Amino acid sequence: CRSVVYKLGMMYNSHKKISIGIEGNISVGKTTFLDYIEKWHPSITVFREPMERWVNVSGHNLFDNYLEDPARWGATFQVNFITTILEDMAKDFDKTRVIERTMYSAYHIFGKYLQQMYV
């Protein structure tokens, strides 16, 4: 993990600014990895899963609704998920950024799962 974080620092010091997506199953260490990045390279912008924006959407817990009834709430949650990612990626565009979960997982993992299960 430290060697990857070191390489991120080297990339940050270059003139190119990049965006890196962190994907993985639940509880595989994405948050721990992001903690390392923030600790060793505080100048790199880290965007974590914006859970607080998913559990309070106009007073509704969209994330819980999705977990309880994915057939009903899956598409709604996916639109919200993609919107929050796009909002985050529009920030700090001139900096090296690392984001937890990406549009890739929205489509290739969650979107395809919902399509297979409920359409």
N, C-alpha and C. Protein backbone atom coordinates (compact mmCIF):
# COMPACT_ATOMS: atom_id res chain seq x y z
N CYS A 1 0.83 -1.19 0.00
CA CYS A 1 0.00 0.00 0.00
C CYS A 1 0.88 1.26 0.00
N ARG A 2 1.96 1.23 0.78
CA ARG A 2 2.82 2.42 0.86
C ARG A 2 3.50 2.71 -0.47
N SER A 3 3.88 1.65 -1.21
CA SER A 3 4.54 1.90 -2.50
C SER A 3 3.58 2.55 -3.48
N VAL A 4 2.32 2.14 -3.45
CA VAL A 4 1.32 2.77 -4.32
C VAL A 4 1.12 4.22 -3.93
N VAL A 5 1.04 4.49 -2.64
CA VAL A 5 0.87 5.86 -2.17
C VAL A 5 2.10 6.69 -2.55
N TYR A 6 3.29 6.12 -2.47
CA TYR A 6 4.51 6.81 -2.87
C TYR A 6 4.44 7.19 -4.35
N LYS A 7 4.02 6.22 -5.18
CA LYS A 7 3.91 6.49 -6.62
C LYS A 7 2.87 7.57 -6.90
N LEU A 8 1.80 7.58 -6.13
CA LEU A 8 0.81 8.65 -6.29
C LEU A 8 1.44 10.01 -6.02
N GLY A 9 2.27 10.07 -5.00
CA GLY A 9 2.96 11.32 -4.70
C GLY A 9 3.88 11.74 -5.83
N MET A 10 4.56 10.78 -6.45
CA MET A 10 5.42 11.09 -7.58
C MET A 10 4.59 11.64 -8.74
N MET A 11 3.43 11.03 -8.99
CA MET A 11 2.56 11.53 -10.05
C MET A 11 2.05 12.92 -9.73
N TYR A 12 1.75 13.16 -8.45
CA TYR A 12 1.25 14.47 -8.06
C TYR A 12 2.29 15.55 -8.34
N ASN A 13 3.54 15.22 -8.11
CA ASN A 13 4.61 16.19 -8.30
C ASN A 13 4.92 16.45 -9.77
N SER A 14 4.40 15.62 -10.67
CA SER A 14 4.60 15.88 -12.09
C SER A 14 3.66 17.01 -12.52
N HIS A 15 3.82 17.46 -13.74
CA HIS A 15 2.99 18.56 -14.23
C HIS A 15 1.59 18.09 -14.62
N LYS A 16 1.44 16.81 -14.87
CA LYS A 16 0.13 16.28 -15.23
C LYS A 16 -0.70 16.08 -13.98
N LYS A 17 -1.95 16.44 -14.05
CA LYS A 17 -2.89 16.17 -12.97
C LYS A 17 -3.79 15.04 -13.44
N ILE A 18 -4.01 14.07 -12.58
CA ILE A 18 -4.75 12.88 -12.96
C ILE A 18 -5.91 12.64 -12.01
N SER A 19 -6.83 11.81 -12.47
CA SER A 19 -7.94 11.34 -11.63
C SER A 19 -7.83 9.83 -11.55
N ILE A 20 -7.94 9.30 -10.33
CA ILE A 20 -7.81 7.87 -10.09
C ILE A 20 -9.06 7.40 -9.38
N GLY A 21 -9.65 6.31 -9.87
CA GLY A 21 -10.82 5.72 -9.23
C GLY A 21 -10.42 4.50 -8.42
N ILE A 22 -10.97 4.39 -7.22
CA ILE A 22 -10.72 3.23 -6.36
C ILE A 22 -12.00 2.40 -6.33
N GLU A 23 -11.90 1.17 -6.79
CA GLU A 23 -13.04 0.27 -6.83
C GLU A 23 -12.72 -0.95 -5.97
N GLY A 24 -13.76 -1.59 -5.47
CA GLY A 24 -13.56 -2.82 -4.71
C GLY A 24 -14.83 -3.19 -3.97
N ASN A 25 -14.87 -4.44 -3.56
CA ASN A 25 -16.01 -4.92 -2.79
C ASN A 25 -16.09 -4.21 -1.45
N ILE A 26 -17.20 -4.39 -0.77
CA ILE A 26 -17.38 -3.83 0.56
C ILE A 26 -16.33 -4.45 1.49
N SER A 27 -15.71 -3.63 2.30
CA SER A 27 -14.75 -4.06 3.34
C SER A 27 -13.46 -4.67 2.81
N VAL A 28 -12.98 -4.21 1.66
CA VAL A 28 -11.70 -4.73 1.16
C VAL A 28 -10.53 -3.79 1.46
N GLY A 29 -10.82 -2.61 2.02
CA GLY A 29 -9.74 -1.71 2.40
C GLY A 29 -9.67 -0.42 1.61
N LYS A 30 -10.72 -0.08 0.89
CA LYS A 30 -10.72 1.18 0.13
C LYS A 30 -10.52 2.37 1.05
N THR A 31 -11.23 2.40 2.15
CA THR A 31 -11.13 3.53 3.09
C THR A 31 -9.74 3.59 3.71
N THR A 32 -9.17 2.45 4.08
CA THR A 32 -7.82 2.42 4.64
C THR A 32 -6.82 2.96 3.63
N PHE A 33 -6.97 2.57 2.39
CA PHE A 33 -6.09 3.06 1.33
C PHE A 33 -6.22 4.58 1.18
N LEU A 34 -7.45 5.08 1.20
CA LEU A 34 -7.66 6.52 1.10
C LEU A 34 -7.09 7.25 2.31
N ASP A 35 -7.17 6.63 3.48
CA ASP A 35 -6.56 7.22 4.69
C ASP A 35 -5.05 7.39 4.50
N TYR A 36 -4.40 6.37 3.92
CA TYR A 36 -2.96 6.47 3.64
C TYR A 36 -2.66 7.64 2.70
N ILE A 37 -3.45 7.75 1.65
CA ILE A 37 -3.23 8.83 0.69
C ILE A 37 -3.35 10.18 1.38
N GLU A 38 -4.40 10.37 2.17
CA GLU A 38 -4.58 11.65 2.87
C GLU A 38 -3.44 11.92 3.85
N LYS A 39 -2.96 10.87 4.50
CA LYS A 39 -1.88 11.04 5.48
C LYS A 39 -0.56 11.41 4.82
N TRP A 40 -0.21 10.71 3.76
CA TRP A 40 1.11 10.88 3.15
C TRP A 40 1.14 11.93 2.05
N HIS A 41 0.01 12.25 1.48
CA HIS A 41 -0.05 13.24 0.39
C HIS A 41 -1.29 14.12 0.56
N PRO A 42 -1.29 14.98 1.56
CA PRO A 42 -2.47 15.80 1.83
C PRO A 42 -2.82 16.76 0.69
N SER A 43 -1.91 16.98 -0.24
CA SER A 43 -2.21 17.87 -1.36
C SER A 43 -3.03 17.18 -2.46
N ILE A 44 -3.16 15.85 -2.38
CA ILE A 44 -4.02 15.12 -3.31
C ILE A 44 -5.44 15.17 -2.78
N THR A 45 -6.38 15.54 -3.64
CA THR A 45 -7.78 15.63 -3.24
C THR A 45 -8.39 14.23 -3.23
N VAL A 46 -8.99 13.85 -2.11
CA VAL A 46 -9.62 12.53 -1.96
C VAL A 46 -11.13 12.73 -1.83
N PHE A 47 -11.88 12.05 -2.69
CA PHE A 47 -13.33 12.06 -2.61
C PHE A 47 -13.80 10.68 -2.15
N ARG A 48 -14.40 10.64 -1.00
CA ARG A 48 -14.93 9.38 -0.46
C ARG A 48 -16.38 9.21 -0.88
N GLU A 49 -16.87 7.97 -0.73
CA GLU A 49 -18.29 7.75 -1.02
C GLU A 49 -19.10 8.75 -0.20
N PRO A 50 -19.95 9.53 -0.85
CA PRO A 50 -20.70 10.56 -0.13
C PRO A 50 -21.96 9.99 0.52
N MET A 51 -21.76 9.05 1.44
CA MET A 51 -22.88 8.37 2.08
C MET A 51 -23.87 9.35 2.69
N GLU A 52 -23.35 10.44 3.28
CA GLU A 52 -24.24 11.42 3.93
C GLU A 52 -25.20 12.04 2.92
N ARG A 53 -24.83 12.07 1.65
CA ARG A 53 -25.72 12.62 0.62
C ARG A 53 -26.69 11.57 0.10
N TRP A 54 -26.46 10.32 0.42
CA TRP A 54 -27.37 9.26 0.00
C TRP A 54 -28.38 8.91 1.08
N VAL A 55 -28.05 9.20 2.33
CA VAL A 55 -28.96 8.84 3.42
C VAL A 55 -29.89 10.00 3.80
N ASN A 56 -29.71 11.14 3.16
CA ASN A 56 -30.61 12.26 3.41
C ASN A 56 -30.85 13.00 2.10
N VAL A 57 -31.79 12.49 1.33
CA VAL A 57 -32.19 13.12 0.08
C VAL A 57 -33.58 13.69 0.31
N SER A 58 -33.64 14.97 0.55
CA SER A 58 -34.90 15.65 0.88
C SER A 58 -35.61 14.96 2.05
N GLY A 59 -34.82 14.56 3.04
CA GLY A 59 -35.37 13.93 4.23
C GLY A 59 -35.61 12.43 4.12
N HIS A 60 -35.26 11.84 2.98
CA HIS A 60 -35.46 10.40 2.78
C HIS A 60 -34.11 9.70 2.73
N ASN A 61 -34.06 8.49 3.30
CA ASN A 61 -32.84 7.70 3.27
C ASN A 61 -32.87 6.84 2.01
N LEU A 62 -32.36 7.40 0.93
CA LEU A 62 -32.40 6.73 -0.36
C LEU A 62 -31.59 5.45 -0.36
N PHE A 63 -30.48 5.44 0.38
CA PHE A 63 -29.64 4.25 0.43
C PHE A 63 -30.38 3.08 1.09
N ASP A 64 -31.04 3.33 2.23
CA ASP A 64 -31.82 2.27 2.89
C ASP A 64 -32.98 1.82 2.01
N ASN A 65 -33.64 2.77 1.36
CA ASN A 65 -34.73 2.41 0.45
C ASN A 65 -34.23 1.46 -0.64
N TYR A 66 -33.07 1.77 -1.18
CA TYR A 66 -32.47 0.93 -2.22
C TYR A 66 -32.17 -0.47 -1.69
N LEU A 67 -31.60 -0.56 -0.49
CA LEU A 67 -31.27 -1.88 0.07
C LEU A 67 -32.52 -2.70 0.38
N GLU A 68 -33.58 -2.03 0.84
CA GLU A 68 -34.82 -2.72 1.20
C GLU A 68 -35.63 -3.15 -0.01
N ASP A 69 -35.62 -2.35 -1.08
CA ASP A 69 -36.43 -2.66 -2.26
C ASP A 69 -35.69 -2.21 -3.53
N PRO A 70 -34.66 -2.98 -3.93
CA PRO A 70 -33.87 -2.57 -5.09
C PRO A 70 -34.66 -2.49 -6.38
N ALA A 71 -35.70 -3.31 -6.53
CA ALA A 71 -36.50 -3.25 -7.74
C ALA A 71 -37.19 -1.89 -7.86
N ARG A 72 -37.64 -1.35 -6.74
CA ARG A 72 -38.34 -0.06 -6.74
C ARG A 72 -37.37 1.11 -6.75
N TRP A 73 -36.29 1.04 -5.96
CA TRP A 73 -35.43 2.20 -5.73
C TRP A 73 -34.09 2.14 -6.46
N GLY A 74 -33.81 1.05 -7.17
CA GLY A 74 -32.52 0.89 -7.83
C GLY A 74 -32.19 1.99 -8.82
N ALA A 75 -33.09 2.29 -9.73
CA ALA A 75 -32.83 3.32 -10.74
C ALA A 75 -32.70 4.69 -10.09
N THR A 76 -33.55 4.98 -9.11
CA THR A 76 -33.49 6.27 -8.42
C THR A 76 -32.15 6.43 -7.71
N PHE A 77 -31.72 5.37 -7.03
CA PHE A 77 -30.44 5.44 -6.35
C PHE A 77 -29.29 5.60 -7.34
N GLN A 78 -29.34 4.88 -8.46
CA GLN A 78 -28.28 4.98 -9.45
C GLN A 78 -28.14 6.40 -10.00
N VAL A 79 -29.26 7.05 -10.27
CA VAL A 79 -29.21 8.43 -10.76
C VAL A 79 -28.57 9.33 -9.71
N ASN A 80 -28.96 9.15 -8.45
CA ASN A 80 -28.37 9.94 -7.37
C ASN A 80 -26.89 9.64 -7.21
N PHE A 81 -26.53 8.37 -7.30
CA PHE A 81 -25.13 7.94 -7.20
C PHE A 81 -24.29 8.62 -8.28
N ILE A 82 -24.75 8.57 -9.52
CA ILE A 82 -24.02 9.17 -10.64
C ILE A 82 -23.94 10.68 -10.48
N THR A 83 -25.03 11.30 -10.04
CA THR A 83 -25.04 12.75 -9.84
C THR A 83 -24.00 13.18 -8.81
N THR A 84 -23.92 12.46 -7.70
CA THR A 84 -22.95 12.83 -6.66
C THR A 84 -21.52 12.64 -7.14
N ILE A 85 -21.27 11.61 -7.94
CA ILE A 85 -19.93 11.41 -8.49
C ILE A 85 -19.57 12.56 -9.43
N LEU A 86 -20.51 12.93 -10.29
CA LEU A 86 -20.24 14.03 -11.23
C LEU A 86 -20.02 15.34 -10.49
N GLU A 87 -20.79 15.58 -9.44
CA GLU A 87 -20.60 16.81 -8.65
C GLU A 87 -19.20 16.83 -8.03
N ASP A 88 -18.77 15.70 -7.49
CA ASP A 88 -17.44 15.64 -6.88
C ASP A 88 -16.34 15.80 -7.93
N MET A 89 -16.50 15.15 -9.06
CA MET A 89 -15.46 15.21 -10.08
C MET A 89 -15.35 16.60 -10.72
N ALA A 90 -16.36 17.43 -10.56
CA ALA A 90 -16.30 18.80 -11.09
C ALA A 90 -15.48 19.71 -10.17
N LYS A 91 -15.17 19.23 -8.98
CA LYS A 91 -14.39 20.02 -8.01
C LYS A 91 -12.90 19.76 -8.20
N ASP A 92 -12.10 20.74 -7.87
CA ASP A 92 -10.64 20.60 -7.87
C ASP A 92 -10.11 19.98 -9.16
N PHE A 93 -10.64 20.45 -10.27
CA PHE A 93 -10.29 19.86 -11.57
C PHE A 93 -8.82 20.02 -11.90
N ASP A 94 -8.18 21.02 -11.34
CA ASP A 94 -6.77 21.27 -11.65
C ASP A 94 -5.81 20.53 -10.71
N LYS A 95 -6.34 19.61 -9.90
CA LYS A 95 -5.52 18.87 -8.95
C LYS A 95 -5.56 17.38 -9.25
N THR A 96 -4.60 16.66 -8.70
CA THR A 96 -4.66 15.20 -8.74
C THR A 96 -5.73 14.76 -7.76
N ARG A 97 -6.63 13.88 -8.23
CA ARG A 97 -7.78 13.48 -7.42
C ARG A 97 -7.90 11.97 -7.37
N VAL A 98 -8.35 11.49 -6.22
CA VAL A 98 -8.64 10.07 -6.05
C VAL A 98 -10.08 9.98 -5.57
N ILE A 99 -10.88 9.16 -6.24
CA ILE A 99 -12.30 9.05 -5.90
C ILE A 99 -12.65 7.60 -5.57
N GLU A 100 -13.41 7.44 -4.50
CA GLU A 100 -13.89 6.12 -4.09
C GLU A 100 -15.18 5.84 -4.84
N ARG A 101 -15.17 4.81 -5.62
CA ARG A 101 -16.25 4.43 -6.53
C ARG A 101 -16.31 5.41 -7.70
N THR A 102 -16.67 4.90 -8.85
CA THR A 102 -16.68 5.72 -10.06
C THR A 102 -17.91 5.44 -10.89
N MET A 103 -18.00 6.16 -12.00
CA MET A 103 -19.08 5.91 -12.95
C MET A 103 -18.98 4.48 -13.50
N TYR A 104 -17.77 3.97 -13.57
CA TYR A 104 -17.55 2.61 -14.06
C TYR A 104 -18.34 1.61 -13.22
N SER A 105 -18.22 1.71 -11.90
CA SER A 105 -18.95 0.77 -11.05
C SER A 105 -20.45 1.03 -11.10
N ALA A 106 -20.83 2.28 -11.29
CA ALA A 106 -22.26 2.59 -11.39
C ALA A 106 -22.89 1.82 -12.54
N TYR A 107 -22.18 1.75 -13.65
CA TYR A 107 -22.73 1.05 -14.81
C TYR A 107 -22.41 -0.44 -14.80
N HIS A 108 -21.13 -0.77 -14.73
CA HIS A 108 -20.70 -2.16 -14.93
C HIS A 108 -21.00 -3.08 -13.77
N ILE A 109 -21.19 -2.55 -12.59
CA ILE A 109 -21.47 -3.41 -11.44
C ILE A 109 -22.92 -3.26 -11.01
N PHE A 110 -23.26 -2.09 -10.50
CA PHE A 110 -24.59 -1.90 -9.93
C PHE A 110 -25.67 -1.85 -11.01
N GLY A 111 -25.42 -1.15 -12.09
CA GLY A 111 -26.41 -1.04 -13.16
C GLY A 111 -26.72 -2.38 -13.80
N LYS A 112 -25.67 -3.14 -14.12
CA LYS A 112 -25.88 -4.45 -14.74
C LYS A 112 -26.55 -5.43 -13.78
N TYR A 113 -26.19 -5.33 -12.50
CA TYR A 113 -26.84 -6.18 -11.50
C TYR A 113 -28.34 -5.90 -11.46
N LEU A 114 -28.70 -4.64 -11.39
CA LEU A 114 -30.12 -4.28 -11.34
C LEU A 114 -30.84 -4.73 -12.60
N GLN A 115 -30.19 -4.59 -13.74
CA GLN A 115 -30.80 -5.00 -15.00
C GLN A 115 -31.05 -6.51 -15.01
N GLN A 116 -30.07 -7.29 -14.58
CA GLN A 116 -30.21 -8.74 -14.57
C GLN A 116 -31.27 -9.21 -13.58
N MET A 117 -31.34 -8.55 -12.44
CA MET A 117 -32.23 -9.00 -11.38
C MET A 117 -33.67 -8.53 -11.56
N TYR A 118 -33.87 -7.34 -12.11
CA TYR A 118 -35.20 -6.75 -12.02
C TYR A 118 -35.79 -6.29 -13.34
N VAL A 119 -35.11 -6.49 -14.45
CA VAL A 119 -35.69 -6.06 -15.73
C VAL A 119 -35.96 -7.26 -16.59
